Protein backbone atom coordinates (compact mmCIF):
# COMPACT_ATOMS: atom_id res chain seq x y z
CA MET A 1 15.29 10.90 20.30
CA THR A 2 17.89 8.21 20.30
CA ARG A 3 19.70 6.12 17.73
CA THR A 4 22.48 3.51 17.79
CA GLN A 5 23.55 1.12 15.08
CA GLY A 6 20.80 -1.44 14.57
CA ARG A 7 18.44 0.28 16.98
CA ARG A 8 14.80 -0.07 15.84
CA TRP A 9 16.17 -2.11 12.98
CA ARG A 10 15.80 -5.86 13.53
CA GLY A 11 14.82 -6.96 10.03
CA ALA A 12 17.73 -6.33 7.68
CA GLY A 13 17.25 -9.71 5.99
CA ALA A 14 13.59 -9.07 5.32
CA VAL A 15 14.21 -5.70 3.71
CA ALA A 16 17.11 -7.13 1.70
CA ALA A 17 14.65 -9.68 0.31
CA VAL A 18 12.19 -6.90 -0.59
CA LEU A 19 14.91 -4.93 -2.34
CA ALA A 20 16.05 -8.02 -4.23
CA ALA A 21 12.50 -8.69 -5.39
CA LEU A 22 12.16 -5.11 -6.63
CA LEU A 23 15.44 -5.41 -8.53
CA VAL A 24 14.36 -8.67 -10.17
CA GLY A 25 11.10 -7.01 -11.18
CA GLN A 26 12.97 -4.14 -12.80
CA MET A 27 15.35 -6.50 -14.63
CA THR A 28 12.56 -8.74 -15.98
CA GLY A 29 10.12 -5.96 -16.76
CA ALA A 30 7.60 -7.19 -14.19
CA PRO A 31 5.60 -4.43 -12.48
CA ALA A 32 6.81 -3.32 -9.03
CA ALA A 33 4.53 -0.98 -7.04
CA HIS A 34 6.28 1.92 -5.27
CA ALA A 35 9.67 0.73 -6.54
CA ALA A 36 11.24 4.03 -5.45
CA THR A 37 11.00 3.20 -1.73
CA THR A 38 11.10 0.10 0.43
CA PHE A 39 7.83 0.94 2.15
CA SER A 40 4.51 2.10 0.73
CA ASP A 41 3.02 5.33 2.04
CA ALA A 42 -0.49 3.81 2.15
CA PRO A 43 -1.52 3.23 5.80
CA LEU A 44 -2.45 -0.21 7.10
CA PRO A 45 -4.93 -0.83 9.96
CA MET A 46 -3.41 0.25 13.27
CA ALA A 47 -4.74 0.80 16.77
CA GLN A 48 -4.78 4.41 17.96
CA THR A 49 -4.10 6.42 21.10
CA ASN A 50 -5.92 9.39 22.57
CA GLY A 51 -2.77 11.48 23.06
CA PRO A 52 0.69 12.01 21.61
CA VAL A 53 3.09 9.12 21.03
CA TRP A 54 6.61 10.35 21.73
CA THR A 55 8.56 7.16 21.04
CA VAL A 56 8.13 3.82 19.24
CA GLU A 57 10.22 0.66 19.09
CA MET A 58 9.85 -2.74 17.44
CA ALA A 59 11.34 -5.77 19.22
CA GLY A 60 10.34 -9.23 20.42
CA GLY A 61 7.72 -9.49 17.68
CA ARG A 62 5.91 -6.42 19.00
CA ILE A 63 5.39 -2.72 18.39
CA TYR A 64 5.91 -0.69 21.57
CA ALA A 65 4.55 2.85 21.82
CA GLY A 66 5.15 5.28 24.65
CA GLY A 67 3.86 8.78 25.25
CA SER A 68 1.39 10.89 27.18
CA PHE A 69 -1.78 9.11 26.09
CA THR A 70 -4.27 7.74 28.62
CA SER A 71 -6.03 5.18 26.42
CA THR A 72 -5.84 3.18 23.20
CA ARG A 73 -8.65 2.17 20.86
CA PRO A 74 -9.00 -0.08 17.78
CA SER A 75 -8.24 0.94 14.23
CA GLY A 76 -11.10 2.91 12.72
CA SER A 77 -12.80 3.62 16.05
CA PRO A 78 -13.80 7.25 16.71
CA ALA A 79 -12.54 8.84 19.90
CA GLY A 80 -14.41 7.49 22.92
CA THR A 81 -15.29 4.20 21.22
CA GLY A 82 -13.64 0.95 22.28
CA GLU A 83 -11.25 2.74 24.66
CA THR A 84 -8.95 0.46 26.71
CA ASN A 85 -7.62 2.95 29.30
CA GLN A 86 -4.11 1.58 28.71
CA ALA A 87 -1.95 4.61 29.43
CA GLN A 88 1.55 5.85 28.57
CA LEU A 89 2.94 2.51 27.33
CA ALA A 90 1.30 -0.10 25.11
CA ALA A 91 2.21 -3.00 22.81
CA PHE A 92 0.74 -3.95 19.44
CA ASP A 93 0.87 -6.84 16.97
CA PRO A 94 3.00 -5.77 13.96
CA ALA A 95 1.05 -7.99 11.54
CA THR A 96 -2.43 -6.70 12.47
CA GLY A 97 -1.85 -3.44 14.29
CA ALA A 98 -4.09 -4.61 17.14
CA ARG A 99 -3.21 -3.89 20.76
CA ILE A 100 -1.74 -6.79 22.76
CA ALA A 101 -4.07 -6.89 25.76
CA GLY A 102 -1.69 -8.94 27.91
CA PHE A 103 0.76 -6.03 28.14
CA ALA A 104 -0.82 -3.56 30.53
CA PRO A 105 1.77 -1.91 32.80
CA ARG A 106 0.75 1.05 34.95
CA LEU A 107 3.35 3.79 35.08
CA THR A 108 2.75 6.35 37.83
CA ASN A 109 4.55 9.09 39.70
CA ASP A 110 3.97 9.05 43.45
CA TRP A 111 6.15 12.11 44.03
CA ASP A 112 3.46 14.46 42.79
CA GLY A 113 0.59 12.14 41.88
CA SER A 114 0.87 12.92 38.18
CA PRO A 115 0.40 10.25 35.51
CA GLY A 116 3.59 8.77 34.14
CA THR A 117 4.84 9.87 30.72
CA VAL A 118 7.15 7.90 28.43
CA HIS A 119 9.62 10.01 26.47
CA ALA A 120 12.26 7.52 25.33
CA MET A 121 12.79 3.81 24.64
CA ALA A 122 15.76 1.70 23.58
CA VAL A 123 16.20 -1.98 22.70
CA SER A 124 19.32 -3.88 23.74
CA PRO A 125 21.61 -5.00 20.89
CA ASP A 126 20.49 -8.62 21.35
CA GLY A 127 16.85 -7.53 20.99
CA ARG A 128 15.80 -9.07 24.29
CA THR A 129 15.37 -6.08 26.60
CA LEU A 130 13.32 -2.91 26.22
CA VAL A 131 14.31 0.05 28.39
CA VAL A 132 11.76 2.80 28.93
CA GLY A 133 12.50 6.29 30.25
CA GLY A 134 10.40 9.31 31.11
CA ASP A 135 8.47 10.91 33.97
CA PHE A 136 7.48 8.09 36.33
CA ASN A 137 8.87 6.31 39.36
CA LEU A 138 6.59 3.29 39.72
CA VAL A 139 5.65 0.41 37.42
CA ASP A 140 2.69 -1.55 38.75
CA GLY A 141 3.53 -0.18 42.19
CA LYS A 142 7.17 -1.30 42.05
CA ARG A 143 10.02 1.21 42.21
CA ALA A 144 11.42 2.38 38.87
CA GLU A 145 12.94 5.84 39.12
CA HIS A 146 12.36 7.25 35.63
CA LEU A 147 13.87 4.11 34.06
CA ALA A 148 12.33 0.64 33.65
CA ARG A 149 13.34 -2.61 31.95
CA PHE A 150 10.95 -5.02 30.22
CA ASP A 151 11.36 -8.37 28.49
CA ALA A 152 10.84 -7.43 24.83
CA ALA A 153 9.19 -10.74 23.89
CA THR A 154 6.85 -11.15 26.88
CA GLY A 155 6.48 -7.62 28.23
CA ALA A 156 7.40 -8.78 31.75
CA PHE A 157 8.70 -5.98 34.01
CA LEU A 158 12.35 -6.69 34.84
CA GLY A 159 12.95 -3.90 37.35
CA GLN A 160 14.52 -0.47 37.28
CA VAL A 161 17.90 0.47 35.81
CA GLY A 162 20.72 0.92 38.30
CA TRP A 163 20.26 0.83 42.05
CA ASN A 164 17.97 3.83 42.02
CA GLY A 165 17.57 5.13 38.47
CA VAL A 166 17.72 8.93 38.12
CA ASN A 167 15.90 11.75 39.90
CA GLY A 168 14.37 13.56 36.91
CA THR A 169 12.99 13.31 33.42
CA VAL A 170 14.65 10.92 30.96
CA ARG A 171 14.52 12.10 27.34
CA SER A 172 17.03 9.89 25.54
CA LEU A 173 18.63 6.45 25.79
CA ALA A 174 21.36 4.54 23.96
CA PHE A 175 23.03 1.15 24.49
CA SER A 176 26.70 0.50 23.90
CA PRO A 177 27.21 -1.93 20.97
CA ASP A 178 28.05 -4.79 23.37
CA GLY A 179 24.93 -4.11 25.46
CA ARG A 180 26.90 -3.70 28.69
CA ARG A 181 26.31 0.02 29.12
CA LEU A 182 23.21 2.19 28.96
CA TYR A 183 23.70 5.91 28.33
CA VAL A 184 20.92 8.13 29.67
CA GLY A 185 20.11 11.77 28.93
CA GLY A 186 17.44 14.15 30.12
CA ALA A 187 16.88 16.71 32.85
CA PHE A 188 18.12 15.10 36.07
CA SER A 189 20.86 15.83 38.61
CA VAL A 190 21.34 12.48 40.40
CA ALA A 191 21.85 8.92 39.13
CA SER A 192 21.83 6.12 41.71
CA TRP A 193 22.61 8.63 44.50
CA GLN A 194 25.58 10.15 42.62
CA ALA A 195 25.62 13.66 41.15
CA ARG A 196 25.14 13.60 37.39
CA ASP A 197 24.20 16.67 35.34
CA ARG A 198 21.67 15.53 32.70
CA LEU A 199 23.93 12.72 31.48
CA ALA A 200 24.78 9.36 33.06
CA ALA A 201 25.84 5.84 32.13
CA PHE A 202 24.96 2.59 33.88
CA ASP A 203 27.01 -0.60 33.86
CA LEU A 204 24.31 -3.21 33.22
CA THR A 205 26.47 -6.09 34.47
CA THR A 206 26.93 -4.57 37.94
CA ASN A 207 23.91 -2.22 37.97
CA ALA A 208 26.23 0.59 39.12
CA VAL A 209 26.41 4.10 37.69
CA THR A 210 29.77 4.62 35.94
CA PRO A 211 32.19 7.59 36.33
CA TRP A 212 31.10 8.89 32.88
CA ALA A 213 29.81 12.42 33.53
CA PRO A 214 30.07 14.97 30.70
CA VAL A 215 28.36 18.29 31.38
CA ALA A 216 26.19 20.23 28.94
CA SER A 217 25.55 23.90 29.72
CA LEU A 218 24.32 27.28 28.39
CA PRO A 219 20.82 26.52 27.06
CA VAL A 220 19.57 27.63 23.67
CA GLN A 221 17.40 30.72 24.12
CA ASN A 222 13.76 29.94 25.00
CA GLU A 223 14.58 26.28 25.70
CA ALA A 224 15.13 24.37 28.93
CA LEU A 225 18.55 22.76 29.21
CA ARG A 226 18.18 19.01 28.61
CA ILE A 227 19.57 16.13 26.54
CA THR A 228 17.22 15.06 23.76
CA ALA A 229 19.32 12.64 21.69
CA LEU A 230 22.07 10.06 22.18
CA ALA A 231 23.88 7.66 19.87
CA VAL A 232 26.99 5.50 20.27
CA SER A 233 29.63 4.88 17.60
CA SER A 234 29.76 1.36 16.17
CA ASP A 235 33.10 0.68 17.86
CA GLY A 236 31.72 1.89 21.21
CA SER A 237 34.44 4.51 21.64
CA ARG A 238 32.40 7.70 21.53
CA VAL A 239 28.94 8.96 22.42
CA PHE A 240 27.13 11.60 20.38
CA VAL A 241 24.99 13.96 22.45
CA GLY A 242 22.26 16.31 21.23
CA GLY A 243 20.00 18.89 22.82
CA PRO A 244 19.37 22.62 23.33
CA PHE A 245 22.81 23.39 24.77
CA ARG A 246 25.67 25.61 23.61
CA ARG A 247 28.55 24.19 25.62
CA MET A 248 29.87 20.72 26.37
CA ASN A 249 32.41 20.31 29.17
CA GLY A 250 32.89 24.08 29.10
CA ALA A 251 33.75 24.29 25.38
CA SER A 252 31.49 25.78 22.70
CA TYR A 253 29.37 23.16 20.93
CA GLN A 254 26.13 24.25 19.29
CA GLY A 255 23.43 21.69 20.02
CA VAL A 256 25.50 18.56 19.41
CA ALA A 257 28.83 17.16 20.64
CA ALA A 258 30.89 13.97 20.68
CA VAL A 259 32.41 12.73 23.93
CA ASP A 260 34.59 9.79 24.87
CA ALA A 261 32.44 6.80 25.87
CA THR A 262 34.61 6.03 28.91
CA ASP A 263 35.80 9.31 30.42
CA GLY A 264 33.29 11.75 28.89
CA ARG A 265 35.89 14.17 27.50
CA ASN A 266 35.17 16.03 24.25
CA VAL A 267 36.35 14.31 21.06
CA GLY A 268 38.63 16.67 19.19
CA SER A 269 37.82 15.50 15.65
CA PHE A 270 34.13 16.35 16.05
CA ARG A 271 33.41 19.93 15.04
CA SER A 272 31.49 22.43 17.14
CA ASP A 273 29.60 24.12 14.29
CA TYR A 274 27.60 21.47 12.44
CA LEU A 275 24.58 23.42 13.68
CA LEU A 276 24.24 27.19 13.67
CA ALA A 277 24.41 29.45 16.69
CA PRO A 278 22.50 30.59 18.59
CA TYR A 279 19.19 28.72 18.10
CA ASN A 280 19.99 25.43 16.34
CA TRP A 281 20.08 22.08 18.21
CA ALA A 282 19.99 18.33 17.56
CA THR A 283 16.70 16.53 18.07
CA THR A 284 17.72 13.07 16.87
CA LEU A 285 20.86 11.04 16.10
CA GLN A 286 21.39 7.65 14.46
CA VAL A 287 24.65 5.81 13.86
CA VAL A 288 24.88 3.30 11.00
CA GLY A 289 28.34 1.88 10.37
CA THR A 290 30.71 4.85 10.37
CA THR A 291 28.05 7.46 9.59
CA LEU A 292 26.16 9.64 12.05
CA TYR A 293 22.82 10.96 10.84
CA LEU A 294 22.13 14.23 12.62
CA ALA A 295 18.88 16.17 12.41
CA GLY A 296 17.80 19.31 14.16
CA ARG A 297 15.50 22.11 15.08
CA ASP A 298 15.93 25.87 14.82
CA ASP A 299 14.18 28.07 17.36
CA TYR A 300 13.06 31.44 16.05
CA SER A 301 16.07 32.46 13.98
CA GLY A 302 14.22 32.95 10.68
CA SER A 303 17.55 32.61 8.88
CA ALA A 304 17.57 31.31 5.32
CA ASP A 305 20.61 29.21 6.30
CA ARG A 306 19.02 27.50 9.30
CA ARG A 307 19.87 23.79 9.56
CA GLU A 308 16.64 21.95 10.35
CA GLY A 309 17.27 19.15 7.87
CA VAL A 310 19.55 16.12 8.03
CA SER A 311 23.35 15.82 7.88
CA ALA A 312 25.48 12.72 7.32
CA ILE A 313 28.76 12.95 9.25
CA SER A 314 31.69 10.55 9.54
CA THR A 315 31.87 9.16 13.07
CA THR A 316 35.65 8.75 12.80
CA THR A 317 36.84 11.95 11.07
CA GLY A 318 33.93 14.30 11.72
CA THR A 319 33.68 15.16 8.01
CA ARG A 320 30.21 16.17 6.81
CA GLN A 321 29.36 13.91 3.87
CA TRP A 322 26.17 15.71 2.85
CA TYR A 323 23.48 18.02 4.15
CA SER A 324 19.84 17.69 3.09
CA GLN A 325 18.45 21.19 3.50
CA CYS A 326 14.75 21.06 4.32
CA TYR A 327 12.88 23.79 6.17
CA GLY A 328 10.75 22.52 9.05
CA ASP A 329 11.99 20.86 12.23
CA THR A 330 13.11 17.22 12.06
CA PHE A 331 12.37 14.90 14.98
CA ASP A 332 13.55 11.42 13.99
CA VAL A 333 15.44 9.55 11.29
CA LEU A 334 15.53 5.84 10.51
CA ALA A 335 17.92 4.10 8.10
CA VAL A 336 16.45 1.26 6.05
CA GLY A 337 18.77 -0.21 3.45
CA GLN A 338 19.95 2.69 1.29
CA GLU A 339 17.09 4.93 2.40
CA LEU A 340 16.69 7.31 5.32
CA TYR A 341 13.13 7.85 6.52
CA VAL A 342 12.65 11.29 8.05
CA ALA A 343 9.98 12.27 10.59
CA SER A 344 9.44 16.03 10.62
CA HIS A 345 7.11 18.86 9.81
CA ALA A 346 9.08 19.74 6.70
CA HIS A 347 7.44 22.26 4.39
CA ASP A 348 10.18 23.05 1.86
CA CYS A 349 12.71 20.47 0.61
CA SER A 350 13.27 22.07 -2.79
CA ARG A 351 16.98 22.57 -2.04
CA ALA A 352 17.27 18.82 -1.48
CA GLY A 353 15.48 17.90 -4.72
CA GLY A 354 12.06 17.45 -3.13
CA PHE A 355 8.77 19.24 -2.59
CA GLY A 356 8.69 23.01 -2.39
CA GLU A 357 6.88 25.62 -0.33
CA THR A 358 3.13 25.97 -0.92
CA ASN A 359 0.51 28.58 -0.05
CA PRO A 360 -1.21 27.74 2.19
CA ARG A 361 1.75 25.96 3.74
CA ARG A 362 1.69 22.15 3.69
CA TYR A 363 3.58 20.19 6.32
CA VAL A 364 4.97 16.75 5.43
CA ALA A 365 5.16 14.31 8.35
CA MET A 366 7.50 11.81 6.68
CA HIS A 367 9.66 11.74 3.58
CA VAL A 368 12.62 9.64 2.37
CA LEU A 369 16.22 10.51 1.53
CA ASP A 370 18.78 8.61 -0.52
CA ARG A 371 21.47 7.71 2.04
CA SER A 372 24.29 8.13 -0.46
CA THR A 373 23.40 11.67 -1.55
CA GLY A 374 20.89 13.14 0.92
CA ARG A 375 18.48 13.91 -1.93
CA VAL A 376 14.74 13.48 -1.43
CA LYS A 377 13.38 10.34 -3.09
CA SER A 378 10.09 10.34 -4.95
CA GLY A 379 7.30 7.87 -4.34
CA PHE A 380 6.85 8.33 -0.59
CA GLN A 381 5.23 11.19 1.32
CA VAL A 382 3.05 11.04 4.42
CA LEU A 383 0.69 13.87 5.37
CA THR A 384 -1.04 14.30 8.73
CA ASN A 385 -2.99 17.17 10.26
CA GLY A 386 -0.91 17.66 13.42
CA THR A 387 -2.26 19.39 16.52
CA SER A 388 -1.93 22.93 17.77
CA ASN A 389 -3.27 22.57 21.34
CA ASP A 390 -0.02 21.16 22.72
CA PRO A 391 3.07 23.01 24.01
CA ASP A 392 4.97 21.33 21.17
CA SER A 393 2.73 22.48 18.36
CA LEU A 394 2.70 20.80 14.97
CA LEU A 395 3.58 17.45 16.49
CA LEU A 396 2.96 15.55 13.27
CA SER A 397 5.54 12.73 13.51
CA ARG A 398 7.96 12.23 16.39
CA SER A 399 9.32 8.68 16.19
CA LEU A 400 9.89 5.88 13.67
CA ALA A 401 10.55 2.15 14.00
CA THR A 402 10.72 -0.90 11.74
CA ASP A 403 11.18 -4.65 11.93
CA GLY A 404 11.90 -4.90 8.20
CA HIS A 405 8.34 -5.88 7.35
CA TYR A 406 6.46 -2.88 8.70
CA LEU A 407 7.23 0.78 9.35
CA VAL A 408 5.53 2.53 12.28
CA MET A 409 5.25 6.25 12.93
CA GLY A 410 4.17 7.85 16.20
CA GLY A 411 3.38 11.49 16.86
CA GLY A 412 0.47 13.84 17.43
CA PHE A 413 -2.26 13.79 14.79
CA THR A 414 -5.88 12.77 14.28
CA TRP A 415 -5.63 11.72 10.65
CA ALA A 416 -2.96 10.36 8.32
CA GLN A 417 -3.09 10.29 4.53
CA GLY A 418 -6.66 11.57 4.65
CA ARG A 419 -7.91 8.81 6.95
CA GLN A 420 -8.98 9.01 10.58
CA GLN A 421 -5.99 7.67 12.49
CA ALA A 422 -4.79 9.12 15.76
CA ASN A 423 -1.14 9.32 16.84
CA LEU A 424 0.03 5.94 15.45
CA VAL A 425 0.18 4.73 11.86
CA ARG A 426 1.62 1.61 10.22
CA PHE A 427 2.92 1.00 6.70
CA GLY A 428 3.84 -2.13 4.75
CA ALA A 429 6.37 -2.97 2.05
CA GLY A 430 6.10 -1.04 -1.19
């Protein structure tokens, strides 16, 4: 996953108004439903997909969802009913949850004939451009080597990124704060005909690939070496990189590192041991102000000290401000006001002041942390059933997005909060 300051967060004023209304209600004694959290955990009507949603964004007055699905269908429709055959990438109306029929790109891969898959999306800082990355090289028959640009408001295809994109899977994207650079991570070896090992940066004013070329190496055991998360500091000086690696530029860094945004060298103030060797790695990163929110996954260690929860780290000094210790892999985080929404399959957050382990085990797809303390907040908890017939079992929730009015969660599930709802779910203000 990918996070930069303001990414998937275009409605600060709207949420500020909601928070103000809640505060007035508390001061006057007027009732305020779900006052503990900005959003309610009761689902609203939302169109569905027939396969996993790996990434969601909200921009241009739309919800964008990308994944490995081959069709969408209306809210409440059983599988096979009302199918649209819109595959891999779709847009929806935030106010109704209905699919926007006018956005119908076809992403394909003519190298091997496989259907295109969308793994990552990012919105430019001005909110006007949506960049999509994954496993595809054509959009509506036009060349787009694993990277494609769209007008966020109209959905119009704007062409590929760079002169020739990259030659392999894109898993993560992040814009520089000024919108002039796009950082790309995944499992590729060439960017616009130049050698780049899983990481590259494009100058969006010239369309050229830049000299930025840090190198991640030594994969976490049982994982393929790839870059799964990127975020850029608010001043644009450094890039935070996450994935199942154990070295960055030849130095030991367990699953996450900070590199210079221009020359790609390691940043000395950023520690190498925020995550635990040998199995821990970062799945998602978000920068807000001078804080980096880092969340991870632990593969097979079984250690009681495994760090699958969320850490808040200073982007300037590297100091860890707090660690919210939940057991169960975390896949995305999203800051909203003074709250941090967490997409995961958490099953024990008792050490962070939240729900504990149960028998049989219960997996929580989304919960909320207090951004100042990292403690679990009451009043919001989303349950889904997940799926077990996918290489990434227990998909539950994989990506979060908001426009300040609505919160959207994408993942792999067939019901949410006890209701039939496949792979996408939408929530309103609390």
